[in-house]
Amino acid sequence: MYCMHCKTKREGRNHTIKLIRDGRRRSLRATCEICGTVMSKLIGKEEYAL
């Protein structure tokens, strides 16, 4: 994932998956390892199986 705050592309920690309002897409939320900013990324149904 890409952090908008420190401009790095890193693996996040504390991954959580939240359901988007339409029920078809999901959002992957993680915390940046460097600055601690919460990053989010939209994922589809296919990518949901972690």
N, C-alpha and C. Protein backbone atom coordinates (compact mmCIF):
# COMPACT_ATOMS: atom_id res chain seq x y z
N MET A 1 0.84 -1.18 0.00
CA MET A 1 0.00 0.00 0.00
C MET A 1 0.88 1.24 0.00
N TYR A 2 0.33 2.34 -0.46
CA TYR A 2 1.07 3.58 -0.57
C TYR A 2 0.60 4.56 0.50
N CYS A 3 1.54 5.09 1.26
CA CYS A 3 1.21 6.06 2.31
C CYS A 3 1.27 7.47 1.73
N MET A 4 0.20 8.22 1.83
CA MET A 4 0.15 9.58 1.30
C MET A 4 0.94 10.55 2.17
N HIS A 5 1.14 10.22 3.44
CA HIS A 5 1.80 11.14 4.36
C HIS A 5 3.32 11.12 4.18
N CYS A 6 3.94 9.95 4.24
CA CYS A 6 5.40 9.89 4.13
C CYS A 6 5.87 9.46 2.75
N LYS A 7 4.94 9.27 1.80
CA LYS A 7 5.23 9.00 0.38
C LYS A 7 6.06 7.73 0.17
N THR A 8 5.78 6.69 0.95
CA THR A 8 6.48 5.43 0.77
C THR A 8 5.49 4.33 0.45
N LYS A 9 5.97 3.31 -0.21
CA LYS A 9 5.13 2.16 -0.52
C LYS A 9 5.61 1.01 0.36
N ARG A 10 4.84 0.71 1.40
CA ARG A 10 5.24 -0.28 2.39
C ARG A 10 4.09 -1.21 2.69
N GLU A 11 4.44 -2.33 3.31
CA GLU A 11 3.41 -3.20 3.86
C GLU A 11 2.94 -2.57 5.16
N GLY A 12 1.65 -2.54 5.34
CA GLY A 12 1.10 -1.97 6.57
C GLY A 12 1.02 -3.01 7.66
N ARG A 13 0.69 -2.56 8.85
CA ARG A 13 0.45 -3.48 9.96
C ARG A 13 -0.94 -3.24 10.49
N ASN A 14 -1.45 -4.16 11.28
CA ASN A 14 -2.81 -4.09 11.83
C ASN A 14 -3.86 -4.00 10.73
N HIS A 15 -3.86 -4.97 9.82
CA HIS A 15 -4.81 -4.98 8.71
C HIS A 15 -6.22 -5.24 9.22
N THR A 16 -7.17 -4.45 8.77
CA THR A 16 -8.58 -4.71 9.03
C THR A 16 -9.33 -4.57 7.72
N ILE A 17 -10.39 -5.34 7.56
CA ILE A 17 -11.19 -5.29 6.34
C ILE A 17 -12.57 -4.77 6.71
N LYS A 18 -13.02 -3.72 6.02
CA LYS A 18 -14.33 -3.15 6.29
C LYS A 18 -15.19 -3.24 5.04
N LEU A 19 -16.47 -3.45 5.25
CA LEU A 19 -17.41 -3.57 4.14
C LEU A 19 -17.86 -2.19 3.69
N ILE A 20 -17.82 -1.95 2.38
CA ILE A 20 -18.30 -0.69 1.82
C ILE A 20 -19.83 -0.74 1.75
N ARG A 21 -20.45 0.40 1.69
CA ARG A 21 -21.90 0.51 1.82
C ARG A 21 -22.68 -0.29 0.78
N ASP A 22 -22.17 -0.41 -0.44
CA ASP A 22 -22.93 -1.13 -1.47
C ASP A 22 -22.88 -2.65 -1.29
N GLY A 23 -21.99 -3.16 -0.43
CA GLY A 23 -21.94 -4.59 -0.14
C GLY A 23 -21.11 -5.40 -1.11
N ARG A 24 -20.62 -4.81 -2.19
CA ARG A 24 -19.85 -5.54 -3.18
C ARG A 24 -18.35 -5.37 -3.01
N ARG A 25 -17.95 -4.20 -2.56
CA ARG A 25 -16.52 -3.92 -2.41
C ARG A 25 -16.14 -3.87 -0.94
N ARG A 26 -14.86 -4.06 -0.69
CA ARG A 26 -14.37 -3.98 0.67
C ARG A 26 -13.17 -3.05 0.72
N SER A 27 -12.90 -2.51 1.87
CA SER A 27 -11.78 -1.60 2.06
C SER A 27 -10.77 -2.26 2.99
N LEU A 28 -9.53 -2.29 2.57
CA LEU A 28 -8.46 -2.81 3.40
C LEU A 28 -7.79 -1.62 4.08
N ARG A 29 -7.78 -1.61 5.40
CA ARG A 29 -7.19 -0.51 6.14
C ARG A 29 -5.99 -1.04 6.92
N ALA A 30 -4.90 -0.28 6.90
CA ALA A 30 -3.69 -0.68 7.61
C ALA A 30 -2.98 0.56 8.13
N THR A 31 -2.07 0.36 9.06
CA THR A 31 -1.30 1.46 9.64
C THR A 31 0.10 1.45 9.02
N CYS A 32 0.61 2.62 8.67
CA CYS A 32 1.94 2.74 8.09
C CYS A 32 2.99 2.39 9.15
N GLU A 33 4.05 1.66 8.73
CA GLU A 33 5.10 1.26 9.67
C GLU A 33 5.96 2.43 10.10
N ILE A 34 6.10 3.45 9.25
CA ILE A 34 7.02 4.55 9.53
C ILE A 34 6.35 5.67 10.31
N CYS A 35 5.24 6.21 9.78
CA CYS A 35 4.65 7.40 10.40
C CYS A 35 3.39 7.11 11.20
N GLY A 36 2.79 5.93 11.05
CA GLY A 36 1.61 5.59 11.83
C GLY A 36 0.30 6.06 11.24
N THR A 37 0.32 6.59 10.00
CA THR A 37 -0.89 7.05 9.34
C THR A 37 -1.74 5.85 8.90
N VAL A 38 -3.05 5.99 8.98
CA VAL A 38 -3.95 4.92 8.53
C VAL A 38 -4.08 5.00 7.02
N MET A 39 -3.74 3.90 6.34
CA MET A 39 -3.86 3.83 4.88
C MET A 39 -5.06 2.97 4.55
N SER A 40 -5.70 3.25 3.42
CA SER A 40 -6.83 2.42 3.01
C SER A 40 -6.73 2.14 1.52
N LYS A 41 -7.29 1.00 1.11
CA LYS A 41 -7.25 0.59 -0.29
C LYS A 41 -8.53 -0.19 -0.57
N LEU A 42 -9.19 0.12 -1.67
CA LEU A 42 -10.40 -0.61 -2.04
C LEU A 42 -10.01 -1.93 -2.68
N ILE A 43 -10.67 -3.00 -2.26
CA ILE A 43 -10.44 -4.30 -2.87
C ILE A 43 -11.76 -4.88 -3.31
N GLY A 44 -11.72 -5.69 -4.35
CA GLY A 44 -12.94 -6.31 -4.86
C GLY A 44 -13.22 -7.63 -4.19
N LYS A 45 -14.24 -8.33 -4.68
CA LYS A 45 -14.61 -9.62 -4.10
C LYS A 45 -13.52 -10.66 -4.30
N GLU A 46 -12.83 -10.63 -5.44
CA GLU A 46 -11.83 -11.63 -5.75
C GLU A 46 -10.64 -11.53 -4.81
N GLU A 47 -10.26 -10.31 -4.45
CA GLU A 47 -9.08 -10.10 -3.62
C GLU A 47 -9.40 -10.21 -2.14
N TYR A 48 -10.65 -10.47 -1.80
CA TYR A 48 -11.06 -10.47 -0.40
C TYR A 48 -10.55 -11.68 0.36
N ALA A 49 -10.36 -12.80 -0.32
CA ALA A 49 -9.93 -14.02 0.36
C ALA A 49 -8.47 -13.89 0.75
N LEU A 50 -8.21 -13.53 1.99
CA LEU A 50 -6.84 -13.35 2.46
C LEU A 50 -6.36 -14.58 3.20
